[in-house]
Amino acid sequence: MQELLFGTWGPTIASFGRQVIAYSLQHPWRVFAAILVVALLTDLMFRNRPTGDGIDGFDFGGGDGDGGGGD
């Protein structure tokens, strides 16, 4: 099964992995900066949004749900 999955792509993946490791050893601060940027962008994208009774952060009020009426 592994031969079917990785037989043709194995050498390419291994070569790419070696290139990534070599680049990270030559430019450690660039790799650190790239990881930091990705982490900050991920934090901005998935930050907890305000909760409410609405959709997409819009708050439609927190009434008791009886549909109004002054009775």
PDB file of N, CA and C in Angstrom:
ATOM      1  N   MET A   1       0.824  -1.194   0.000  1.00  0.00           N
ATOM      2  CA  MET A   1       0.000   0.000   0.000  1.00  0.00           C
ATOM      3  C   MET A   1       0.867   1.257   0.000  1.00  0.00           C
ATOM      4  N   GLN A   2       1.919   1.262   0.803  1.00  0.00           N
ATOM      5  CA  GLN A   2       2.807   2.419   0.830  1.00  0.00           C
ATOM      6  C   GLN A   2       3.455   2.643  -0.524  1.00  0.00           C
ATOM      7  N   GLU A   3       3.759   1.571  -1.211  1.00  0.00           N
ATOM      8  CA  GLU A   3       4.371   1.711  -2.532  1.00  0.00           C
ATOM      9  C   GLU A   3       3.419   2.407  -3.491  1.00  0.00           C
ATOM     10  N   LEU A   4       2.140   2.104  -3.392  1.00  0.00           N
ATOM     11  CA  LEU A   4       1.157   2.764  -4.249  1.00  0.00           C
ATOM     12  C   LEU A   4       0.997   4.234  -3.888  1.00  0.00           C
ATOM     13  N   LEU A   5       1.033   4.531  -2.594  1.00  0.00           N
ATOM     14  CA  LEU A   5       0.819   5.913  -2.151  1.00  0.00           C
ATOM     15  C   LEU A   5       2.059   6.782  -2.332  1.00  0.00           C
ATOM     16  N   PHE A   6       3.210   6.270  -1.950  1.00  0.00           N
ATOM     17  CA  PHE A   6       4.417   7.085  -1.912  1.00  0.00           C
ATOM     18  C   PHE A   6       5.471   6.671  -2.929  1.00  0.00           C
ATOM     19  N   GLY A   7       5.190   5.706  -3.756  1.00  0.00           N
ATOM     20  CA  GLY A   7       6.185   5.203  -4.691  1.00  0.00           C
ATOM     21  C   GLY A   7       6.684   6.255  -5.654  1.00  0.00           C
ATOM     22  N   THR A   8       5.788   7.074  -6.194  1.00  0.00           N
ATOM     23  CA  THR A   8       6.208   8.084  -7.163  1.00  0.00           C
ATOM     24  C   THR A   8       6.482   9.423  -6.507  1.00  0.00           C
ATOM     25  N   TRP A   9       5.822   9.705  -5.393  1.00  0.00           N
ATOM     26  CA  TRP A   9       5.976  11.005  -4.744  1.00  0.00           C
ATOM     27  C   TRP A   9       7.024  11.005  -3.644  1.00  0.00           C
ATOM     28  N   GLY A  10       7.442   9.848  -3.187  1.00  0.00           N
ATOM     29  CA  GLY A  10       8.383   9.764  -2.070  1.00  0.00           C
ATOM     30  C   GLY A  10       9.665  10.542  -2.278  1.00  0.00           C
ATOM     31  N   PRO A  11      10.401  10.346  -3.385  1.00  0.00           N
ATOM     32  CA  PRO A  11      11.637  11.101  -3.590  1.00  0.00           C
ATOM     33  C   PRO A  11      11.411  12.615  -3.698  1.00  0.00           C
ATOM     34  N   THR A  12      10.295  13.018  -4.294  1.00  0.00           N
ATOM     35  CA  THR A  12       9.997  14.448  -4.416  1.00  0.00           C
ATOM     36  C   THR A  12       9.729  15.063  -3.051  1.00  0.00           C
ATOM     37  N   ILE A  13       8.948  14.364  -2.236  1.00  0.00           N
ATOM     38  CA  ILE A  13       8.646  14.866  -0.887  1.00  0.00           C
ATOM     39  C   ILE A  13       9.909  14.927  -0.041  1.00  0.00           C
ATOM     40  N   ALA A  14      10.744  13.912  -0.128  1.00  0.00           N
ATOM     41  CA  ALA A  14      11.991  13.902   0.636  1.00  0.00           C
ATOM     42  C   ALA A  14      12.923  15.025   0.192  1.00  0.00           C
ATOM     43  N   SER A  15      12.991  15.264  -1.109  1.00  0.00           N
ATOM     44  CA  SER A  15      13.829  16.347  -1.621  1.00  0.00           C
ATOM     45  C   SER A  15      13.328  17.702  -1.134  1.00  0.00           C
ATOM     46  N   PHE A  16      12.020  17.896  -1.167  1.00  0.00           N
ATOM     47  CA  PHE A  16      11.451  19.158  -0.684  1.00  0.00           C
ATOM     48  C   PHE A  16      11.717  19.334   0.806  1.00  0.00           C
ATOM     49  N   GLY A  17      11.610  18.255   1.566  1.00  0.00           N
ATOM     50  CA  GLY A  17      11.890  18.326   2.998  1.00  0.00           C
ATOM     51  C   GLY A  17      13.328  18.724   3.280  1.00  0.00           C
ATOM     52  N   ARG A  18      14.252  18.173   2.498  1.00  0.00           N
ATOM     53  CA  ARG A  18      15.665  18.548   2.673  1.00  0.00           C
ATOM     54  C   ARG A  18      15.890  20.015   2.326  1.00  0.00           C
ATOM     55  N   GLN A  19      15.204  20.518   1.298  1.00  0.00           N
ATOM     56  CA  GLN A  19      15.348  21.926   0.925  1.00  0.00           C
ATOM     57  C   GLN A  19      14.804  22.834   2.020  1.00  0.00           C
ATOM     58  N   VAL A  20      13.691  22.447   2.613  1.00  0.00           N
ATOM     59  CA  VAL A  20      13.109  23.253   3.703  1.00  0.00           C
ATOM     60  C   VAL A  20      14.055  23.288   4.894  1.00  0.00           C
ATOM     61  N   ILE A  21      14.618  22.162   5.239  1.00  0.00           N
ATOM     62  CA  ILE A  21      15.550  22.119   6.370  1.00  0.00           C
ATOM     63  C   ILE A  21      16.794  22.946   6.074  1.00  0.00           C
ATOM     64  N   ALA A  22      17.328  22.851   4.862  1.00  0.00           N
ATOM     65  CA  ALA A  22      18.517  23.628   4.507  1.00  0.00           C
ATOM     66  C   ALA A  22      18.222  25.122   4.559  1.00  0.00           C
ATOM     67  N   TYR A  23      17.061  25.529   4.066  1.00  0.00           N
ATOM     68  CA  TYR A  23      16.702  26.953   4.101  1.00  0.00           C
ATOM     69  C   TYR A  23      16.547  27.433   5.540  1.00  0.00           C
ATOM     70  N   SER A  24      15.920  26.599   6.387  1.00  0.00           N
ATOM     71  CA  SER A  24      15.722  27.018   7.772  1.00  0.00           C
ATOM     72  C   SER A  24      17.039  27.104   8.526  1.00  0.00           C
ATOM     73  N   LEU A  25      18.024  26.320   8.131  1.00  0.00           N
ATOM     74  CA  LEU A  25      19.335  26.420   8.777  1.00  0.00           C
ATOM     75  C   LEU A  25      20.112  27.644   8.296  1.00  0.00           C
ATOM     76  N   GLN A  26      19.895  28.047   7.034  1.00  0.00           N
ATOM     77  CA  GLN A  26      20.586  29.211   6.497  1.00  0.00           C
ATOM     78  C   GLN A  26      19.944  30.522   6.951  1.00  0.00           C
ATOM     79  N   HIS A  27      18.622  30.524   7.098  1.00  0.00           N
ATOM     80  CA  HIS A  27      17.896  31.760   7.427  1.00  0.00           C
ATOM     81  C   HIS A  27      16.925  31.520   8.587  1.00  0.00           C
ATOM     82  N   PRO A  28      17.434  31.295   9.795  1.00  0.00           N
ATOM     83  CA  PRO A  28      16.525  30.970  10.901  1.00  0.00           C
ATOM     84  C   PRO A  28      15.597  32.126  11.280  1.00  0.00           C
ATOM     85  N   TRP A  29      16.059  33.380  11.154  1.00  0.00           N
ATOM     86  CA  TRP A  29      15.201  34.499  11.533  1.00  0.00           C
ATOM     87  C   TRP A  29      14.059  34.693  10.553  1.00  0.00           C
ATOM     88  N   ARG A  30      14.278  34.393   9.273  1.00  0.00           N
ATOM     89  CA  ARG A  30      13.194  34.493   8.291  1.00  0.00           C
ATOM     90  C   ARG A  30      12.127  33.438   8.560  1.00  0.00           C
ATOM     91  N   VAL A  31      12.567  32.243   8.911  1.00  0.00           N
ATOM     92  CA  VAL A  31      11.619  31.179   9.219  1.00  0.00           C
ATOM     93  C   VAL A  31      10.838  31.529  10.477  1.00  0.00           C
ATOM     94  N   PHE A  32      11.518  32.056  11.487  1.00  0.00           N
ATOM     95  CA  PHE A  32      10.843  32.482  12.718  1.00  0.00           C
ATOM     96  C   PHE A  32       9.835  33.582  12.426  1.00  0.00           C
ATOM     97  N   ALA A  33      10.210  34.552  11.600  1.00  0.00           N
ATOM     98  CA  ALA A  33       9.296  35.648  11.264  1.00  0.00           C
ATOM     99  C   ALA A  33       8.083  35.134  10.492  1.00  0.00           C
ATOM    100  N   ALA A  34       8.289  34.202   9.590  1.00  0.00           N
ATOM    101  CA  ALA A  34       7.174  33.650   8.819  1.00  0.00           C
ATOM    102  C   ALA A  34       6.205  32.894   9.731  1.00  0.00           C
ATOM    103  N   ILE A  35       6.739  32.130  10.669  1.00  0.00           N
ATOM    104  CA  ILE A  35       5.886  31.402  11.613  1.00  0.00           C
ATOM    105  C   ILE A  35       5.120  32.375  12.496  1.00  0.00           C
ATOM    106  N   LEU A  36       5.777  33.446  12.917  1.00  0.00           N
ATOM    107  CA  LEU A  36       5.114  34.452  13.745  1.00  0.00           C
ATOM    108  C   LEU A  36       3.986  35.145  12.987  1.00  0.00           C
ATOM    109  N   VAL A  37       4.218  35.483  11.724  1.00  0.00           N
ATOM    110  CA  VAL A  37       3.181  36.124  10.909  1.00  0.00           C
ATOM    111  C   VAL A  37       1.990  35.191  10.737  1.00  0.00           C
ATOM    112  N   VAL A  38       2.250  33.920  10.463  1.00  0.00           N
ATOM    113  CA  VAL A  38       1.156  32.959  10.299  1.00  0.00           C
ATOM    114  C   VAL A  38       0.365  32.826  11.597  1.00  0.00           C
ATOM    115  N   ALA A  39       1.053  32.792  12.727  1.00  0.00           N
ATOM    116  CA  ALA A  39       0.371  32.665  14.015  1.00  0.00           C
ATOM    117  C   ALA A  39      -0.493  33.892  14.298  1.00  0.00           C
ATOM    118  N   LEU A  40       0.023  35.084  14.014  1.00  0.00           N
ATOM    119  CA  LEU A  40      -0.757  36.295  14.266  1.00  0.00           C
ATOM    120  C   LEU A  40      -1.955  36.405  13.329  1.00  0.00           C
ATOM    121  N   LEU A  41      -1.777  36.051  12.064  1.00  0.00           N
ATOM    122  CA  LEU A  41      -2.903  36.085  11.130  1.00  0.00           C
ATOM    123  C   LEU A  41      -3.968  35.063  11.519  1.00  0.00           C
ATOM    124  N   THR A  42      -3.538  33.903  11.967  1.00  0.00           N
ATOM    125  CA  THR A  42      -4.490  32.890  12.408  1.00  0.00           C
ATOM    126  C   THR A  42      -5.265  33.379  13.618  1.00  0.00           C
ATOM    127  N   ASP A  43      -4.585  34.059  14.527  1.00  0.00           N
ATOM    128  CA  ASP A  43      -5.248  34.602  15.703  1.00  0.00           C
ATOM    129  C   ASP A  43      -6.286  35.642  15.302  1.00  0.00           C
ATOM    130  N   LEU A  44      -5.955  36.481  14.344  1.00  0.00           N
ATOM    131  CA  LEU A  44      -6.914  37.493  13.904  1.00  0.00           C
ATOM    132  C   LEU A  44      -8.118  36.860  13.209  1.00  0.00           C
ATOM    133  N   MET A  45      -7.879  35.813  12.446  1.00  0.00           N
ATOM    134  CA  MET A  45      -8.971  35.189  11.704  1.00  0.00           C
ATOM    135  C   MET A  45      -9.924  34.425  12.619  1.00  0.00           C
ATOM    136  N   PHE A  46      -9.398  33.784  13.647  1.00  0.00           N
ATOM    137  CA  PHE A  46     -10.222  32.920  14.486  1.00  0.00           C
ATOM    138  C   PHE A  46     -10.463  33.501  15.870  1.00  0.00           C
ATOM    139  N   ARG A  47     -10.315  34.790  16.013  1.00  0.00           N
ATOM    140  CA  ARG A  47     -10.544  35.425  17.309  1.00  0.00           C
ATOM    141  C   ARG A  47     -12.013  35.261  17.694  1.00  0.00           C
ATOM    142  N   ASN A  48     -12.256  35.097  18.970  1.00  0.00           N
ATOM    143  CA  ASN A  48     -13.636  34.944  19.435  1.00  0.00           C
ATOM    144  C   ASN A  48     -14.414  36.207  19.160  1.00  0.00           C
ATOM    145  N   ARG A  49     -15.500  36.033  18.455  1.00  0.00           N
ATOM    146  CA  ARG A  49     -16.353  37.171  18.130  1.00  0.00           C
ATOM    147  C   ARG A  49     -17.381  37.337  19.238  1.00  0.00           C
ATOM    148  N   PRO A  50     -17.912  38.557  19.371  1.00  0.00           N
ATOM    149  CA  PRO A  50     -18.902  38.772  20.429  1.00  0.00           C
ATOM    150  C   PRO A  50     -20.128  37.884  20.208  1.00  0.00           C
ATOM    151  N   THR A  51     -20.607  37.317  21.287  1.00  0.00           N
ATOM    152  CA  THR A  51     -21.770  36.456  21.177  1.00  0.00           C
ATOM    153  C   THR A  51     -23.030  37.278  21.365  1.00  0.00           C
ATOM    154  N   GLY A  52     -24.054  36.885  20.704  1.00  0.00           N
ATOM    155  CA  GLY A  52     -25.347  37.553  20.819  1.00  0.00           C
ATOM    156  C   GLY A  52     -26.410  36.631  20.277  1.00  0.00           C
ATOM    157  N   ASP A  53     -27.592  37.172  20.135  1.00  0.00           N
ATOM    158  CA  ASP A  53     -28.693  36.372  19.603  1.00  0.00           C
ATOM    159  C   ASP A  53     -28.756  36.460  18.092  1.00  0.00           C
ATOM    160  N   GLY A  54     -27.798  37.157  17.474  1.00  0.00           N
ATOM    161  CA  GLY A  54     -27.865  37.387  16.047  1.00  0.00           C
ATOM    162  C   GLY A  54     -26.909  36.515  15.264  1.00  0.00           C
ATOM    163  N   ILE A  55     -26.705  36.934  14.041  1.00  0.00           N
ATOM    164  CA  ILE A  55     -25.857  36.216  13.108  1.00  0.00           C
ATOM    165  C   ILE A  55     -24.663  37.104  12.782  1.00  0.00           C
ATOM    166  N   ASP A  56     -23.475  36.536  12.698  1.00  0.00           N
ATOM    167  CA  ASP A  56     -22.259  37.256  12.313  1.00  0.00           C
ATOM    168  C   ASP A  56     -21.968  38.440  13.231  1.00  0.00           C
ATOM    169  N   GLY A  57     -22.233  38.305  14.514  1.00  0.00           N
ATOM    170  CA  GLY A  57     -21.885  39.338  15.465  1.00  0.00           C
ATOM    171  C   GLY A  57     -22.939  40.407  15.654  1.00  0.00           C
ATOM    172  N   PHE A  58     -24.037  40.372  14.892  1.00  0.00           N
ATOM    173  CA  PHE A  58     -25.106  41.347  15.088  1.00  0.00           C
ATOM    174  C   PHE A  58     -25.977  40.890  16.246  1.00  0.00           C
ATOM    175  N   ASP A  59     -26.249  41.794  17.156  1.00  0.00           N
ATOM    176  CA  ASP A  59     -27.028  41.454  18.337  1.00  0.00           C
ATOM    177  C   ASP A  59     -28.453  41.940  18.125  1.00  0.00           C
ATOM    178  N   PHE A  60     -29.394  41.013  18.117  1.00  0.00           N
ATOM    179  CA  PHE A  60     -30.794  41.368  17.924  1.00  0.00           C
ATOM    180  C   PHE A  60     -31.539  41.485  19.240  1.00  0.00           C
ATOM    181  N   GLY A  61     -30.815  41.648  20.310  1.00  0.00           N
ATOM    182  CA  GLY A  61     -31.453  41.813  21.605  1.00  0.00           C
ATOM    183  C   GLY A  61     -31.593  40.498  22.330  1.00  0.00           C
ATOM    184  N   GLY A  62     -31.785  40.575  23.601  1.00  0.00           N
ATOM    185  CA  GLY A  62     -31.900  39.376  24.416  1.00  0.00           C
ATOM    186  C   GLY A  62     -33.226  39.307  25.098  1.00  0.00           C
ATOM    187  N   GLY A  63     -34.315  39.605  24.383  1.00  0.00           N
ATOM    188  CA  GLY A  63     -35.636  39.620  24.981  1.00  0.00           C
ATOM    189  C   GLY A  63     -36.045  38.256  25.517  1.00  0.00           C
ATOM    190  N   ASP A  64     -37.231  38.225  26.163  1.00  0.00           N
ATOM    191  CA  ASP A  64     -37.680  36.982  26.760  1.00  0.00           C
ATOM    192  C   ASP A  64     -38.276  36.027  25.741  1.00  0.00           C
ATOM    193  N   GLY A  65     -38.434  36.453  24.500  1.00  0.00           N
ATOM    194  CA  GLY A  65     -38.833  35.537  23.455  1.00  0.00           C
ATOM    195  C   GLY A  65     -40.326  35.346  23.307  1.00  0.00           C
ATOM    196  N   ASP A  66     -41.144  36.202  23.936  1.00  0.00           N
ATOM    197  CA  ASP A  66     -42.588  36.012  23.819  1.00  0.00           C
ATOM    198  C   ASP A  66     -43.178  36.712  22.599  1.00  0.00           C
ATOM    199  N   GLY A  67     -42.353  37.371  21.803  1.00  0.00           N
ATOM    200  CA  GLY A  67     -42.822  38.005  20.580  1.00  0.00           C
ATOM    201  C   GLY A  67     -43.362  39.404  20.767  1.00  0.00           C
ATOM    202  N   GLY A  68     -43.126  39.992  21.878  1.00  0.00           N
ATOM    203  CA  GLY A  68     -43.551  41.377  22.084  1.00  0.00           C
ATOM    204  C   GLY A  68     -44.952  41.446  22.664  1.00  0.00           C
ATOM    205  N   GLY A  69     -45.621  42.530  22.397  1.00  0.00           N
ATOM    206  CA  GLY A  69     -46.956  42.694  22.942  1.00  0.00           C
ATOM    207  C   GLY A  69     -46.908  43.270  24.351  1.00  0.00           C
ATOM    208  N   GLY A  70     -47.782  44.207  24.631  1.00  0.00           N
ATOM    209  CA  GLY A  70     -47.729  44.877  25.921  1.00  0.00           C
ATOM    210  C   GLY A  70     -48.655  44.280  26.955  1.00  0.00           C
ATOM    211  N   ASP A  71     -49.152  43.097  26.770  1.00  0.00           N
ATOM    212  CA  ASP A  71     -50.100  42.530  27.722  1.00  0.00           C
ATOM    213  C   ASP A  71     -49.444  42.202  29.007  1.00  0.00           C
TER     214      ASP A  71
END
